[in-house]
């Protein structure tokens, strides 16, 4: 089995970032006209290999997170600025945090 534990100092290690959104209350009732464009933007980043995973928290939904694998925080900042959920005020707060992956199948993958 492949060794999935990777040294944090490994030179070819990719950078991960976690984007978190906090939504307006009852976001689900307000997102319908924007959902297709929001998902289209996410799909673009997925195809480019920058977005690995995204999804929402809560029932009812109150927040969301997405994990990106990219070399620059600016890639995620561009995503945020282009996101219709942000542009139309459904997102009340957002934060981008760099994250160091240490173990797991995606840490040292070419995805």
Protein backbone atom coordinates (compact mmCIF):
# COMPACT_ATOMS: atom_id res chain seq x y z
CA UNK A 1 0.00 0.00 0.00
CA UNK A 2 1.22 3.48 -0.87
CA UNK A 3 2.58 5.53 2.01
CA UNK A 4 0.04 8.31 2.56
CA UNK A 5 1.98 10.08 5.30
CA UNK A 6 3.89 13.00 3.81
CA UNK A 7 6.51 15.20 5.42
CA UNK A 8 5.35 18.79 5.82
CA UNK A 9 8.68 19.91 4.38
CA UNK A 10 8.35 17.92 1.17
CA UNK A 11 9.14 20.30 -1.69
CA UNK A 12 6.50 19.04 -4.13
CA UNK A 13 3.65 19.32 -1.65
CA UNK A 14 0.70 21.34 -2.90
CA UNK A 15 -0.98 24.06 -0.93
CA UNK A 16 -4.51 23.59 0.30
CA UNK A 17 -6.94 26.30 1.30
CA UNK A 18 -10.27 26.03 3.08
CA UNK A 19 -12.94 28.56 2.18
CA UNK A 20 -15.77 28.99 4.66
CA UNK A 21 -19.01 30.87 4.10
CA UNK A 22 -21.58 31.98 6.62
CA UNK A 23 -25.02 32.37 5.03
CA UNK A 24 -28.04 34.54 5.64
CA UNK A 25 -30.78 32.80 7.61
CA UNK A 26 -33.07 30.83 5.26
CA UNK A 27 -30.48 30.90 2.47
CA UNK A 28 -32.21 27.99 0.71
CA UNK A 29 -35.32 30.08 0.03
CA UNK A 30 -33.20 32.85 -1.55
CA UNK A 31 -30.62 30.86 -3.50
CA UNK A 32 -32.79 29.38 -6.26
CA UNK A 33 -32.18 32.08 -8.90
CA UNK A 34 -28.43 32.03 -8.21
CA UNK A 35 -27.76 28.32 -7.68
CA UNK A 36 -27.01 27.40 -11.32
CA UNK A 37 -24.44 30.21 -11.70
CA UNK A 38 -22.89 29.38 -8.30
CA UNK A 39 -22.50 25.72 -9.28
CA UNK A 40 -21.21 26.64 -12.74
CA UNK A 41 -18.43 28.69 -11.12
CA UNK A 42 -17.61 25.80 -8.79
CA UNK A 43 -17.58 23.40 -11.75
CA UNK A 44 -15.09 25.65 -13.56
CA UNK A 45 -12.70 25.49 -10.60
CA UNK A 46 -13.28 21.73 -10.32
CA UNK A 47 -12.37 21.19 -13.98
CA UNK A 48 -9.26 23.36 -13.55
CA UNK A 49 -8.22 21.07 -10.68
CA UNK A 50 -8.37 23.84 -8.08
CA UNK A 51 -11.55 22.80 -6.23
CA UNK A 52 -11.51 19.41 -4.54
CA UNK A 53 -14.67 19.35 -2.45
CA UNK A 54 -17.44 21.66 -1.37
CA UNK A 55 -20.67 21.48 0.57
CA UNK A 56 -23.01 22.99 3.12
CA UNK A 57 -23.53 22.54 6.87
CA UNK A 58 -26.73 22.35 8.84
CA UNK A 59 -30.39 21.60 8.51
CA UNK A 60 -31.41 24.26 7.81
CA UNK A 61 -28.25 25.24 5.95
CA UNK A 62 -26.31 28.01 7.71
CA UNK A 63 -22.76 27.76 6.33
CA UNK A 64 -20.53 25.99 3.83
CA UNK A 65 -16.91 25.03 3.21
CA UNK A 66 -14.85 24.21 0.16
CA UNK A 67 -11.36 22.75 -0.07
CA UNK A 68 -9.07 24.07 -2.78
CA UNK A 69 -5.69 22.79 -3.90
CA UNK A 70 -3.78 25.62 -5.53
CA UNK A 71 -0.56 27.57 -5.23
CA UNK A 72 -2.08 30.94 -4.39
CA UNK A 73 -4.72 32.34 -2.08
CA UNK A 74 -5.58 34.75 -4.88
CA UNK A 75 -7.25 31.90 -6.82
CA UNK A 76 -9.77 31.50 -4.03
CA UNK A 77 -10.21 35.26 -3.63
CA UNK A 78 -11.13 35.41 -7.34
CA UNK A 79 -13.64 32.60 -6.78
CA UNK A 80 -15.24 34.51 -3.89
CA UNK A 81 -15.47 37.76 -5.84
CA UNK A 82 -17.08 35.98 -8.82
CA UNK A 83 -19.53 33.93 -6.75
CA UNK A 84 -23.14 35.09 -7.23
CA UNK A 85 -23.91 34.09 -3.62
CA UNK A 86 -21.36 36.66 -2.44
CA UNK A 87 -22.30 39.27 -5.05
CA UNK A 88 -25.99 39.09 -4.12
CA UNK A 89 -25.46 39.12 -0.35
CA UNK A 90 -26.38 35.53 0.55
CA UNK A 91 -22.95 35.17 2.14
CA UNK A 92 -22.64 37.32 5.26
CA UNK A 93 -19.06 36.34 6.10
CA UNK A 94 -16.28 34.43 4.37
CA UNK A 95 -12.78 33.36 5.30
CA UNK A 96 -9.89 31.70 3.49
CA UNK A 97 -7.43 29.70 5.57
CA UNK A 98 -4.30 27.93 4.39
CA UNK A 99 -4.28 24.30 5.43
CA UNK A 100 -1.36 21.89 5.48
CA UNK A 101 -2.40 18.39 4.53
CA UNK A 102 -0.30 15.80 6.34
CA UNK A 103 -2.05 12.51 5.66
CA UNK A 104 -4.57 11.27 3.13
CA UNK A 105 -4.96 10.18 -0.44
CA UNK A 106 -5.15 13.73 -1.81
CA UNK A 107 -2.18 15.18 0.05
CA UNK A 108 0.44 14.05 -2.44
CA UNK A 109 -1.76 13.39 -5.46
CA UNK A 110 -1.68 15.20 -8.76
CA UNK A 111 -5.38 16.11 -8.50
